[in-house]
Amino acid sequence: MSDRGLIAPTEWRRPGVRRLTRALQGLLLAGLFAAGLGPLLWLAKSAVTPTQDTLRNPLAFWPNGFDFANLATAWTRVEVGRYFLNTVWVALGAWLVQLLVATTTGYAVAVLKPRYHKVVTAIVLATLFVPSVVLLVPLYLSMVDLSLINTFWAVWLPAGANAFNVILVQRFFANLPREVFEAARVDGAGPLRIFVSVVLPMSKPILGVVSVFAVIASWKDFLWPMLVLPDPAVQPLSVRLPALQTFVELDVFLAALAIATVIPVLLFLVFQRLVLRGDALTGAVKG
């Protein structure tokens, strides 16, 4: 207890103070658990619960048994599988475009460092202060002029213009050891070879974090896909499920929502250490 805190070391030695502090910590942890995981656990429970049980006893644990047919009905009759595949394609394309733009721009500005690299950085930073709603109309008109409406490209291409990811990757690249680049140049490696064989293998942590951000953001995006994908045949889950809410039973709709949350939850479970530890962000925030 050498570090300073809210409780003095002399007070901490008292058993009553320690018990009270640990009890408060437990209550705080329980509250955070209920607020964070409570909605997800309730959704998982309601996905296999009959509608009447959910309406009469929303917090009861299966008073009349399970109803796993909800998941099958949501997958077949509501065609969640079809929209799930659309969502996967939207997220995959947005992830590839964002990763390509962020890594190439970050490499050009942070490693190659042309004379105008500070101007490029300033322009990218300036776009962070522009509200995204302001860009909806001109961006939509651009998609119309390019005849990209009702194609996944209308979602993929604008997703690449993510200034936050570019700055994040640029800061990480800027803090990589310059000696490695110099040694590669001495061995005859060109800019492309350095980028592919040196920079990218050293940047797996930040690429993982950017990938999680990109996939989850595109998975839950609603407004822009709704505008550029009016055809239900190509709409993702985030757009199609709200439109189907009034046409299906509550238990089937909740089962469809549960299926839609599978990928984001799995992504968090796989990359939780990388995101929570913050090791990948160390180089990004250093500069």
C-alpha atoms as a PDB file:
ATOM      1  CA  MET A   1       0.000   0.000   0.000  1.00  0.00           C
ATOM      2  CA  SER A   2       2.872   2.363  -0.723  1.00  0.00           C
ATOM      3  CA  ASP A   3       0.942   4.106  -3.514  1.00  0.00           C
ATOM      4  CA  ARG A   4      -1.403   6.903  -2.636  1.00  0.00           C
ATOM      5  CA  GLY A   5      -5.121   6.322  -2.962  1.00  0.00           C
ATOM      6  CA  LEU A   6      -8.503   7.335  -1.648  1.00  0.00           C
ATOM      7  CA  ILE A   7      -7.933   5.317   1.537  1.00  0.00           C
ATOM      8  CA  ALA A   8      -4.913   5.980   3.702  1.00  0.00           C
ATOM      9  CA  PRO A   9      -2.660   3.006   4.578  1.00  0.00           C
ATOM     10  CA  THR A  10      -3.539   3.318   8.256  1.00  0.00           C
ATOM     11  CA  GLU A  11      -7.264   3.138   7.442  1.00  0.00           C
ATOM     12  CA  TRP A  12      -6.753   0.222   5.063  1.00  0.00           C
ATOM     13  CA  ARG A  13      -5.281  -1.881   7.891  1.00  0.00           C
ATOM     14  CA  ARG A  14      -8.617  -1.779   9.692  1.00  0.00           C
ATOM     15  CA  PRO A  15     -10.651  -4.940   8.908  1.00  0.00           C
ATOM     16  CA  GLY A  16     -13.935  -3.043   8.740  1.00  0.00           C
ATOM     17  CA  VAL A  17     -12.620  -0.641   6.117  1.00  0.00           C
ATOM     18  CA  ARG A  18     -11.220  -3.486   3.997  1.00  0.00           C
ATOM     19  CA  ARG A  19     -14.486  -5.419   4.112  1.00  0.00           C
ATOM     20  CA  LEU A  20     -16.530  -2.341   3.205  1.00  0.00           C
ATOM     21  CA  THR A  21     -14.206  -1.450   0.319  1.00  0.00           C
ATOM     22  CA  ARG A  22     -14.269  -4.965  -1.106  1.00  0.00           C
ATOM     23  CA  ALA A  23     -18.056  -5.080  -0.792  1.00  0.00           C
ATOM     24  CA  LEU A  24     -18.347  -1.807  -2.715  1.00  0.00           C
ATOM     25  CA  GLN A  25     -15.971  -3.133  -5.358  1.00  0.00           C
ATOM     26  CA  GLY A  26     -18.093  -6.263  -5.697  1.00  0.00           C
ATOM     27  CA  LEU A  27     -21.281  -4.223  -6.071  1.00  0.00           C
ATOM     28  CA  LEU A  28     -19.642  -2.010  -8.688  1.00  0.00           C
ATOM     29  CA  LEU A  29     -18.407  -5.058 -10.614  1.00  0.00           C
ATOM     30  CA  ALA A  30     -21.868  -6.644 -10.459  1.00  0.00           C
ATOM     31  CA  GLY A  31     -23.452  -3.413 -11.705  1.00  0.00           C
ATOM     32  CA  LEU A  32     -21.026  -3.179 -14.611  1.00  0.00           C
ATOM     33  CA  PHE A  33     -21.652  -6.837 -15.438  1.00  0.00           C
ATOM     34  CA  ALA A  34     -25.424  -6.340 -15.429  1.00  0.00           C
ATOM     35  CA  ALA A  35     -25.232  -3.179 -17.544  1.00  0.00           C
ATOM     36  CA  GLY A  36     -22.772  -4.620 -20.069  1.00  0.00           C
ATOM     37  CA  LEU A  37     -23.744  -8.267 -20.417  1.00  0.00           C
ATOM     38  CA  GLY A  38     -27.306  -8.103 -19.153  1.00  0.00           C
ATOM     39  CA  PRO A  39     -28.913  -7.114 -22.484  1.00  0.00           C
ATOM     40  CA  LEU A  40     -26.928  -9.740 -24.411  1.00  0.00           C
ATOM     41  CA  LEU A  41     -27.804 -12.505 -21.950  1.00  0.00           C
ATOM     42  CA  TRP A  42     -31.474 -11.487 -21.986  1.00  0.00           C
ATOM     43  CA  LEU A  43     -31.465 -11.529 -25.797  1.00  0.00           C
ATOM     44  CA  ALA A  44     -29.901 -14.996 -25.839  1.00  0.00           C
ATOM     45  CA  LYS A  45     -32.543 -16.225 -23.387  1.00  0.00           C
ATOM     46  CA  SER A  46     -35.427 -14.623 -25.252  1.00  0.00           C
ATOM     47  CA  ALA A  47     -34.250 -16.094 -28.576  1.00  0.00           C
ATOM     48  CA  VAL A  48     -35.275 -19.570 -27.346  1.00  0.00           C
ATOM     49  CA  THR A  49     -38.312 -18.479 -25.302  1.00  0.00           C
ATOM     50  CA  PRO A  50     -41.945 -18.478 -26.520  1.00  0.00           C
ATOM     51  CA  THR A  51     -43.484 -15.050 -27.120  1.00  0.00           C
ATOM     52  CA  GLN A  52     -46.060 -15.361 -24.346  1.00  0.00           C
ATOM     53  CA  ASP A  53     -43.392 -16.151 -21.758  1.00  0.00           C
ATOM     54  CA  THR A  54     -41.317 -13.184 -22.881  1.00  0.00           C
ATOM     55  CA  LEU A  55     -44.311 -10.825 -22.602  1.00  0.00           C
ATOM     56  CA  ARG A  56     -45.670 -12.139 -19.293  1.00  0.00           C
ATOM     57  CA  ASN A  57     -42.409 -12.879 -17.472  1.00  0.00           C
ATOM     58  CA  PRO A  58     -39.571 -11.138 -19.337  1.00  0.00           C
ATOM     59  CA  LEU A  59     -37.026 -11.836 -16.585  1.00  0.00           C
ATOM     60  CA  ALA A  60     -38.073 -15.433 -15.837  1.00  0.00           C
ATOM     61  CA  PHE A  61     -35.831 -18.289 -16.947  1.00  0.00           C
ATOM     62  CA  TRP A  62     -37.940 -20.381 -19.326  1.00  0.00           C
ATOM     63  CA  PRO A  63     -41.092 -20.898 -17.209  1.00  0.00           C
ATOM     64  CA  ASN A  64     -42.583 -23.135 -19.919  1.00  0.00           C
ATOM     65  CA  GLY A  65     -39.457 -24.614 -21.439  1.00  0.00           C
ATOM     66  CA  PHE A  66     -37.313 -23.833 -24.451  1.00  0.00           C
ATOM     67  CA  ASP A  67     -38.360 -23.129 -28.016  1.00  0.00           C
ATOM     68  CA  PHE A  68     -35.333 -23.725 -30.235  1.00  0.00           C
ATOM     69  CA  ALA A  69     -37.587 -23.648 -33.281  1.00  0.00           C
ATOM     70  CA  ASN A  70     -37.362 -19.859 -33.127  1.00  0.00           C
ATOM     71  CA  LEU A  71     -33.810 -19.983 -34.470  1.00  0.00           C
ATOM     72  CA  ALA A  72     -34.713 -22.301 -37.326  1.00  0.00           C
ATOM     73  CA  THR A  73     -37.778 -20.210 -38.206  1.00  0.00           C
ATOM     74  CA  ALA A  74     -35.724 -17.006 -38.199  1.00  0.00           C
ATOM     75  CA  TRP A  75     -33.091 -18.594 -40.427  1.00  0.00           C
ATOM     76  CA  THR A  76     -35.561 -20.006 -42.982  1.00  0.00           C
ATOM     77  CA  ARG A  77     -38.871 -18.118 -43.020  1.00  0.00           C
ATOM     78  CA  VAL A  78     -37.425 -14.695 -42.208  1.00  0.00           C
ATOM     79  CA  GLU A  79     -34.423 -15.492 -44.456  1.00  0.00           C
ATOM     80  CA  VAL A  80     -31.935 -14.344 -41.865  1.00  0.00           C
ATOM     81  CA  GLY A  81     -29.339 -16.552 -43.524  1.00  0.00           C
ATOM     82  CA  ARG A  82     -29.599 -14.562 -46.736  1.00  0.00           C
ATOM     83  CA  TYR A  83     -29.262 -11.189 -45.016  1.00  0.00           C
ATOM     84  CA  PHE A  84     -26.542 -12.592 -42.775  1.00  0.00           C
ATOM     85  CA  LEU A  85     -24.520 -13.428 -45.890  1.00  0.00           C
ATOM     86  CA  ASN A  86     -25.130  -9.902 -47.228  1.00  0.00           C
ATOM     87  CA  THR A  87     -23.826  -8.502 -43.935  1.00  0.00           C
ATOM     88  CA  VAL A  88     -20.723 -10.677 -44.145  1.00  0.00           C
ATOM     89  CA  TRP A  89     -19.988  -9.415 -47.661  1.00  0.00           C
ATOM     90  CA  VAL A  90     -20.531  -5.784 -46.602  1.00  0.00           C
ATOM     91  CA  ALA A  91     -18.273  -6.164 -43.552  1.00  0.00           C
ATOM     92  CA  LEU A  92     -15.595  -8.090 -45.444  1.00  0.00           C
ATOM     93  CA  GLY A  93     -15.385  -5.558 -48.272  1.00  0.00           C
ATOM     94  CA  ALA A  94     -15.394  -2.583 -45.884  1.00  0.00           C
ATOM     95  CA  TRP A  95     -12.649  -4.225 -43.836  1.00  0.00           C
ATOM     96  CA  LEU A  96     -10.437  -4.833 -46.877  1.00  0.00           C
ATOM     97  CA  VAL A  97     -10.900  -1.290 -48.220  1.00  0.00           C
ATOM     98  CA  GLN A  98     -10.270   0.329 -44.826  1.00  0.00           C
ATOM     99  CA  LEU A  99      -7.189  -1.782 -44.213  1.00  0.00           C
ATOM    100  CA  LEU A 100      -5.809  -1.033 -47.678  1.00  0.00           C
ATOM    101  CA  VAL A 101      -6.338   2.726 -47.394  1.00  0.00           C
ATOM    102  CA  ALA A 102      -5.116   2.976 -43.786  1.00  0.00           C
ATOM    103  CA  THR A 103      -1.936   0.961 -44.295  1.00  0.00           C
ATOM    104  CA  THR A 104      -0.869   2.485 -47.622  1.00  0.00           C
ATOM    105  CA  THR A 105      -1.599   6.049 -46.508  1.00  0.00           C
ATOM    106  CA  GLY A 106       0.036   5.516 -43.127  1.00  0.00           C
ATOM    107  CA  TYR A 107       3.100   3.992 -44.768  1.00  0.00           C
ATOM    108  CA  ALA A 108       3.440   6.786 -47.315  1.00  0.00           C
ATOM    109  CA  VAL A 109       3.129   9.529 -44.694  1.00  0.00           C
ATOM    110  CA  ALA A 110       4.976   7.975 -41.748  1.00  0.00           C
ATOM    111  CA  VAL A 111       7.729   5.925 -43.411  1.00  0.00           C
ATOM    112  CA  LEU A 112       8.331   7.349 -46.893  1.00  0.00           C
ATOM    113  CA  LYS A 113       7.727  10.903 -45.588  1.00  0.00           C
ATOM    114  CA  PRO A 114       7.404  13.041 -48.739  1.00  0.00           C
ATOM    115  CA  ARG A 115       7.933  16.770 -48.383  1.00  0.00           C
ATOM    116  CA  TYR A 116       4.193  17.398 -48.155  1.00  0.00           C
ATOM    117  CA  HIS A 117       3.519  14.688 -45.516  1.00  0.00           C
ATOM    118  CA  LYS A 118       2.593  17.275 -42.870  1.00  0.00           C
ATOM    119  CA  VAL A 119       0.009  18.793 -45.212  1.00  0.00           C
ATOM    120  CA  VAL A 120      -1.530  15.365 -45.831  1.00  0.00           C
ATOM    121  CA  THR A 121      -1.642  14.688 -42.094  1.00  0.00           C
ATOM    122  CA  ALA A 122      -3.313  18.039 -41.453  1.00  0.00           C
ATOM    123  CA  ILE A 123      -5.937  17.391 -44.139  1.00  0.00           C
ATOM    124  CA  VAL A 124      -6.728  13.928 -42.751  1.00  0.00           C
ATOM    125  CA  LEU A 125      -6.999  15.336 -39.231  1.00  0.00           C
ATOM    126  CA  ALA A 126      -9.272  18.124 -40.449  1.00  0.00           C
ATOM    127  CA  THR A 127     -11.773  15.600 -41.807  1.00  0.00           C
ATOM    128  CA  LEU A 128     -12.299  14.296 -38.268  1.00  0.00           C
ATOM    129  CA  PHE A 129     -13.975  17.595 -37.391  1.00  0.00           C
ATOM    130  CA  VAL A 130     -16.501  17.368 -40.227  1.00  0.00           C
ATOM    131  CA  PRO A 131     -19.805  15.777 -39.080  1.00  0.00           C
ATOM    132  CA  SER A 132     -20.568  12.679 -41.123  1.00  0.00           C
ATOM    133  CA  VAL A 133     -24.188  13.790 -41.599  1.00  0.00           C
ATOM    134  CA  VAL A 134     -22.979  16.797 -43.610  1.00  0.00           C
ATOM    135  CA  LEU A 135     -21.402  14.462 -46.174  1.00  0.00           C
ATOM    136  CA  LEU A 136     -24.441  12.244 -46.711  1.00  0.00           C
ATOM    137  CA  VAL A 137     -26.027  14.233 -49.564  1.00  0.00           C
ATOM    138  CA  PRO A 138     -22.886  14.837 -51.687  1.00  0.00           C
ATOM    139  CA  LEU A 139     -21.708  11.273 -51.053  1.00  0.00           C
ATOM    140  CA  TYR A 140     -25.068   9.851 -52.061  1.00  0.00           C
ATOM    141  CA  LEU A 141     -25.134  11.960 -55.239  1.00  0.00           C
ATOM    142  CA  SER A 142     -21.646  10.690 -56.068  1.00  0.00           C
ATOM    143  CA  MET A 143     -22.838   7.093 -55.736  1.00  0.00           C
ATOM    144  CA  VAL A 144     -25.796   7.883 -58.021  1.00  0.00           C
ATOM    145  CA  ASP A 145     -23.519   9.464 -60.641  1.00  0.00           C
ATOM    146  CA  LEU A 146     -21.262   6.404 -60.547  1.00  0.00           C
ATOM    147  CA  SER A 147     -24.277   4.046 -60.840  1.00  0.00           C
ATOM    148  CA  LEU A 148     -23.267   2.219 -57.667  1.00  0.00           C
ATOM    149  CA  ILE A 149     -26.675   2.245 -55.955  1.00  0.00           C
ATOM    150  CA  ASN A 150     -27.754  -1.267 -54.926  1.00  0.00           C
ATOM    151  CA  THR A 151     -24.186  -2.537 -55.167  1.00  0.00           C
ATOM    152  CA  PHE A 152     -21.851  -3.332 -52.289  1.00  0.00           C
ATOM    153  CA  TRP A 153     -19.293  -0.915 -53.743  1.00  0.00           C
ATOM    154  CA  ALA A 154     -21.528   1.945 -52.566  1.00  0.00           C
ATOM    155  CA  VAL A 155     -20.786   0.820 -49.005  1.00  0.00           C
ATOM    156  CA  TRP A 156     -17.218  -0.378 -49.456  1.00  0.00           C
ATOM    157  CA  LEU A 157     -15.697   2.689 -51.117  1.00  0.00           C
ATOM    158  CA  PRO A 158     -16.910   5.345 -48.617  1.00  0.00           C
ATOM    159  CA  ALA A 159     -15.831   3.063 -45.760  1.00  0.00           C
ATOM    160  CA  GLY A 160     -12.222   3.479 -46.871  1.00  0.00           C
ATOM    161  CA  ALA A 161     -12.303   7.190 -46.065  1.00  0.00           C
ATOM    162  CA  ASN A 162     -11.843   6.566 -42.341  1.00  0.00           C
ATOM    163  CA  ALA A 163      -9.521   9.251 -41.013  1.00  0.00           C
ATOM    164  CA  PHE A 164      -9.373   7.716 -37.544  1.00  0.00           C
ATOM    165  CA  ASN A 165      -7.902   4.451 -38.840  1.00  0.00           C
ATOM    166  CA  VAL A 166      -5.438   6.321 -41.042  1.00  0.00           C
ATOM    167  CA  ILE A 167      -4.148   8.411 -38.114  1.00  0.00           C
ATOM    168  CA  LEU A 168      -4.017   5.345 -35.868  1.00  0.00           C
ATOM    169  CA  VAL A 169      -1.939   3.328 -38.333  1.00  0.00           C
ATOM    170  CA  GLN A 170       0.227   6.312 -39.243  1.00  0.00           C
ATOM    171  CA  ARG A 171       1.183   6.928 -35.605  1.00  0.00           C
ATOM    172  CA  PHE A 172       2.028   3.270 -35.154  1.00  0.00           C
ATOM    173  CA  PHE A 173       4.188   3.171 -38.282  1.00  0.00           C
ATOM    174  CA  ALA A 174       5.965   6.365 -37.211  1.00  0.00           C
ATOM    175  CA  ASN A 175       7.154   4.678 -34.005  1.00  0.00           C
ATOM    176  CA  LEU A 176       8.562   1.580 -35.659  1.00  0.00           C
ATOM    177  CA  PRO A 177      12.389   1.345 -35.438  1.00  0.00           C
ATOM    178  CA  ARG A 178      13.934   3.245 -38.331  1.00  0.00           C
ATOM    179  CA  GLU A 179      17.067   1.061 -38.222  1.00  0.00           C
ATOM    180  CA  VAL A 180      15.083  -1.840 -39.673  1.00  0.00           C
ATOM    181  CA  PHE A 181      14.067   0.266 -42.688  1.00  0.00           C
ATOM    182  CA  GLU A 182      17.626   1.450 -43.236  1.00  0.00           C
ATOM    183  CA  ALA A 183      18.922  -2.118 -43.077  1.00  0.00           C
ATOM    184  CA  ALA A 184      16.318  -3.213 -45.627  1.00  0.00           C
ATOM    185  CA  ARG A 185      17.306  -0.384 -47.960  1.00  0.00           C
ATOM    186  CA  VAL A 186      20.977  -1.359 -47.663  1.00  0.00           C
ATOM    187  CA  ASP A 187      20.011  -4.900 -48.675  1.00  0.00           C
ATOM    188  CA  GLY A 188      18.396  -3.492 -51.808  1.00  0.00           C
ATOM    189  CA  ALA A 189      14.737  -3.579 -50.788  1.00  0.00           C
ATOM    190  CA  GLY A 190      12.492  -1.027 -52.465  1.00  0.00           C
ATOM    191  CA  PRO A 191       9.524   0.820 -50.897  1.00  0.00           C
ATOM    192  CA  LEU A 192       7.021  -1.881 -51.874  1.00  0.00           C
ATOM    193  CA  ARG A 193       9.225  -4.695 -50.549  1.00  0.00           C
ATOM    194  CA  ILE A 194       9.768  -2.842 -47.267  1.00  0.00           C
ATOM    195  CA  PHE A 195       6.033  -2.304 -46.930  1.00  0.00           C
ATOM    196  CA  VAL A 196       5.105  -5.941 -47.569  1.00  0.00           C
ATOM    197  CA  SER A 197       8.029  -7.762 -45.933  1.00  0.00           C
ATOM    198  CA  VAL A 198       8.998  -5.435 -43.079  1.00  0.00           C
ATOM    199  CA  VAL A 199       6.256  -2.999 -42.075  1.00  0.00           C
ATOM    200  CA  LEU A 200       3.182  -5.235 -42.283  1.00  0.00           C
ATOM    201  CA  PRO A 201       4.687  -8.190 -40.343  1.00  0.00           C
ATOM    202  CA  MET A 202       5.737  -5.775 -37.567  1.00  0.00           C
ATOM    203  CA  SER A 203       2.285  -4.181 -37.456  1.00  0.00           C
ATOM    204  CA  LYS A 204       0.041  -7.168 -36.733  1.00  0.00           C
ATOM    205  CA  PRO A 205      -1.230  -5.728 -33.405  1.00  0.00           C
ATOM    206  CA  ILE A 206      -2.479  -2.442 -34.877  1.00  0.00           C
ATOM    207  CA  LEU A 207      -3.868  -4.240 -37.925  1.00  0.00           C
ATOM    208  CA  GLY A 208      -5.866  -6.481 -35.601  1.00  0.00           C
ATOM    209  CA  VAL A 209      -7.311  -3.515 -33.715  1.00  0.00           C
ATOM    210  CA  VAL A 210      -8.214  -1.680 -36.923  1.00  0.00           C
ATOM    211  CA  SER A 211      -9.805  -4.859 -38.263  1.00  0.00           C
ATOM    212  CA  VAL A 212     -12.039  -5.173 -35.201  1.00  0.00           C
ATOM    213  CA  PHE A 213     -13.078  -1.514 -35.446  1.00  0.00           C
ATOM    214  CA  ALA A 214     -13.780  -1.808 -39.175  1.00  0.00           C
ATOM    215  CA  VAL A 215     -15.842  -5.009 -39.022  1.00  0.00           C
ATOM    216  CA  ILE A 216     -17.954  -3.997 -36.031  1.00  0.00           C
ATOM    217  CA  ALA A 217     -18.599  -0.506 -37.442  1.00  0.00           C
ATOM    218  CA  SER A 218     -19.755  -1.880 -40.790  1.00  0.00           C
ATOM    219  CA  TRP A 219     -21.740  -4.681 -39.119  1.00  0.00           C
ATOM    220  CA  LYS A 220     -23.888  -2.279 -37.109  1.00  0.00           C
ATOM    221  CA  ASP A 221     -24.101   0.585 -39.630  1.00  0.00           C
ATOM    222  CA  PHE A 222     -27.697   1.406 -40.504  1.00  0.00           C
ATOM    223  CA  LEU A 223     -28.160   4.802 -42.133  1.00  0.00           C
ATOM    224  CA  TRP A 224     -25.750   4.626 -45.057  1.00  0.00           C
ATOM    225  CA  PRO A 225     -26.591   1.045 -46.167  1.00  0.00           C
ATOM    226  CA  MET A 226     -30.272   1.942 -45.966  1.00  0.00           C
ATOM    227  CA  LEU A 227     -29.717   4.843 -48.379  1.00  0.00           C
ATOM    228  CA  VAL A 228     -27.542   3.122 -50.971  1.00  0.00           C
ATOM    229  CA  LEU A 229     -29.032  -0.396 -50.740  1.00  0.00           C
ATOM    230  CA  PRO A 230     -32.806   0.110 -51.144  1.00  0.00           C
ATOM    231  CA  ASP A 231     -33.238  -3.322 -52.741  1.00  0.00           C
ATOM    232  CA  PRO A 232     -34.081  -5.844 -49.966  1.00  0.00           C
ATOM    233  CA  ALA A 233     -32.161  -8.551 -51.821  1.00  0.00           C
ATOM    234  CA  VAL A 234     -28.811  -6.896 -51.022  1.00  0.00           C
ATOM    235  CA  GLN A 235     -29.595  -5.326 -47.637  1.00  0.00           C
ATOM    236  CA  PRO A 236     -27.632  -6.364 -44.533  1.00  0.00           C
ATOM    237  CA  LEU A 237     -29.184  -7.432 -41.245  1.00  0.00           C
ATOM    238  CA  SER A 238     -28.887  -3.986 -39.680  1.00  0.00           C
ATOM    239  CA  VAL A 239     -31.224  -2.589 -42.356  1.00  0.00           C
ATOM    240  CA  ARG A 240     -33.511  -5.514 -43.051  1.00  0.00           C
ATOM    241  CA  LEU A 241     -34.390  -6.626 -39.515  1.00  0.00           C
ATOM    242  CA  PRO A 242     -36.091  -3.351 -38.472  1.00  0.00           C
ATOM    243  CA  ALA A 243     -38.189  -3.519 -41.646  1.00  0.00           C
ATOM    244  CA  LEU A 244     -39.300  -7.077 -40.808  1.00  0.00           C
ATOM    245  CA  GLN A 245     -40.148  -6.365 -37.179  1.00  0.00           C
ATOM    246  CA  THR A 246     -43.859  -5.723 -37.826  1.00  0.00           C
ATOM    247  CA  PHE A 247     -44.288  -8.870 -39.944  1.00  0.00           C
ATOM    248  CA  VAL A 248     -42.873 -11.583 -37.645  1.00  0.00           C
ATOM    249  CA  GLU A 249     -43.578 -12.836 -34.154  1.00  0.00           C
ATOM    250  CA  LEU A 250     -41.629 -11.381 -31.250  1.00  0.00           C
ATOM    251  CA  ASP A 251     -39.808 -14.611 -30.394  1.00  0.00           C
ATOM    252  CA  VAL A 252     -38.712 -15.121 -34.013  1.00  0.00           C
ATOM    253  CA  PHE A 253     -37.597 -11.497 -34.274  1.00  0.00           C
ATOM    254  CA  LEU A 254     -35.532 -11.803 -31.079  1.00  0.00           C
ATOM    255  CA  ALA A 255     -34.003 -15.006 -32.429  1.00  0.00           C
ATOM    256  CA  ALA A 256     -33.020 -13.123 -35.592  1.00  0.00           C
ATOM    257  CA  LEU A 257     -31.439 -10.381 -33.488  1.00  0.00           C
ATOM    258  CA  ALA A 258     -29.500 -12.983 -31.522  1.00  0.00           C
ATOM    259  CA  ILE A 259     -28.139 -14.477 -34.740  1.00  0.00           C
ATOM    260  CA  ALA A 260     -27.122 -11.004 -35.900  1.00  0.00           C
ATOM    261  CA  THR A 261     -25.005 -10.472 -32.755  1.00  0.00           C
ATOM    262  CA  VAL A 262     -22.978 -13.662 -33.159  1.00  0.00           C
ATOM    263  CA  ILE A 263     -20.140 -12.224 -35.270  1.00  0.00           C
ATOM    264  CA  PRO A 264     -19.492  -9.071 -33.150  1.00  0.00           C
ATOM    265  CA  VAL A 265     -19.445 -11.160 -29.962  1.00  0.00           C
ATOM    266  CA  LEU A 266     -17.076 -13.716 -31.478  1.00  0.00           C
ATOM    267  CA  LEU A 267     -14.784 -10.942 -32.723  1.00  0.00           C
ATOM    268  CA  PHE A 268     -14.590  -9.459 -29.243  1.00  0.00           C
ATOM    269  CA  LEU A 269     -13.878 -12.848 -27.654  1.00  0.00           C
ATOM    270  CA  VAL A 270     -11.093 -13.561 -30.144  1.00  0.00           C
ATOM    271  CA  PHE A 271      -9.439 -10.126 -29.974  1.00  0.00           C
ATOM    272  CA  GLN A 272     -10.310  -9.135 -26.396  1.00  0.00           C
ATOM    273  CA  ARG A 273      -6.723  -9.365 -25.131  1.00  0.00           C
ATOM    274  CA  LEU A 274      -5.427  -7.316 -28.032  1.00  0.00           C
ATOM    275  CA  VAL A 275      -8.040  -4.579 -27.550  1.00  0.00           C
ATOM    276  CA  LEU A 276      -8.180  -4.471 -23.749  1.00  0.00           C
ATOM    277  CA  ARG A 277      -4.437  -4.592 -23.096  1.00  0.00           C
ATOM    278  CA  GLY A 278      -3.844  -1.678 -25.461  1.00  0.00           C
ATOM    279  CA  ASP A 279      -0.432  -2.968 -26.586  1.00  0.00           C
ATOM    280  CA  ALA A 280      -1.310  -2.236 -30.190  1.00  0.00           C
ATOM    281  CA  LEU A 281      -2.209   1.338 -29.366  1.00  0.00           C
ATOM    282  CA  THR A 282       1.085   2.087 -27.570  1.00  0.00           C
ATOM    283  CA  GLY A 283       2.870   3.111 -30.739  1.00  0.00           C
ATOM    284  CA  ALA A 284      -0.194   4.851 -32.073  1.00  0.00           C
ATOM    285  CA  VAL A 285      -0.577   7.266 -29.169  1.00  0.00           C
ATOM    286  CA  LYS A 286       3.128   7.795 -28.567  1.00  0.00           C
ATOM    287  CA  GLY A 287       3.494  10.450 -31.234  1.00  0.00           C
END
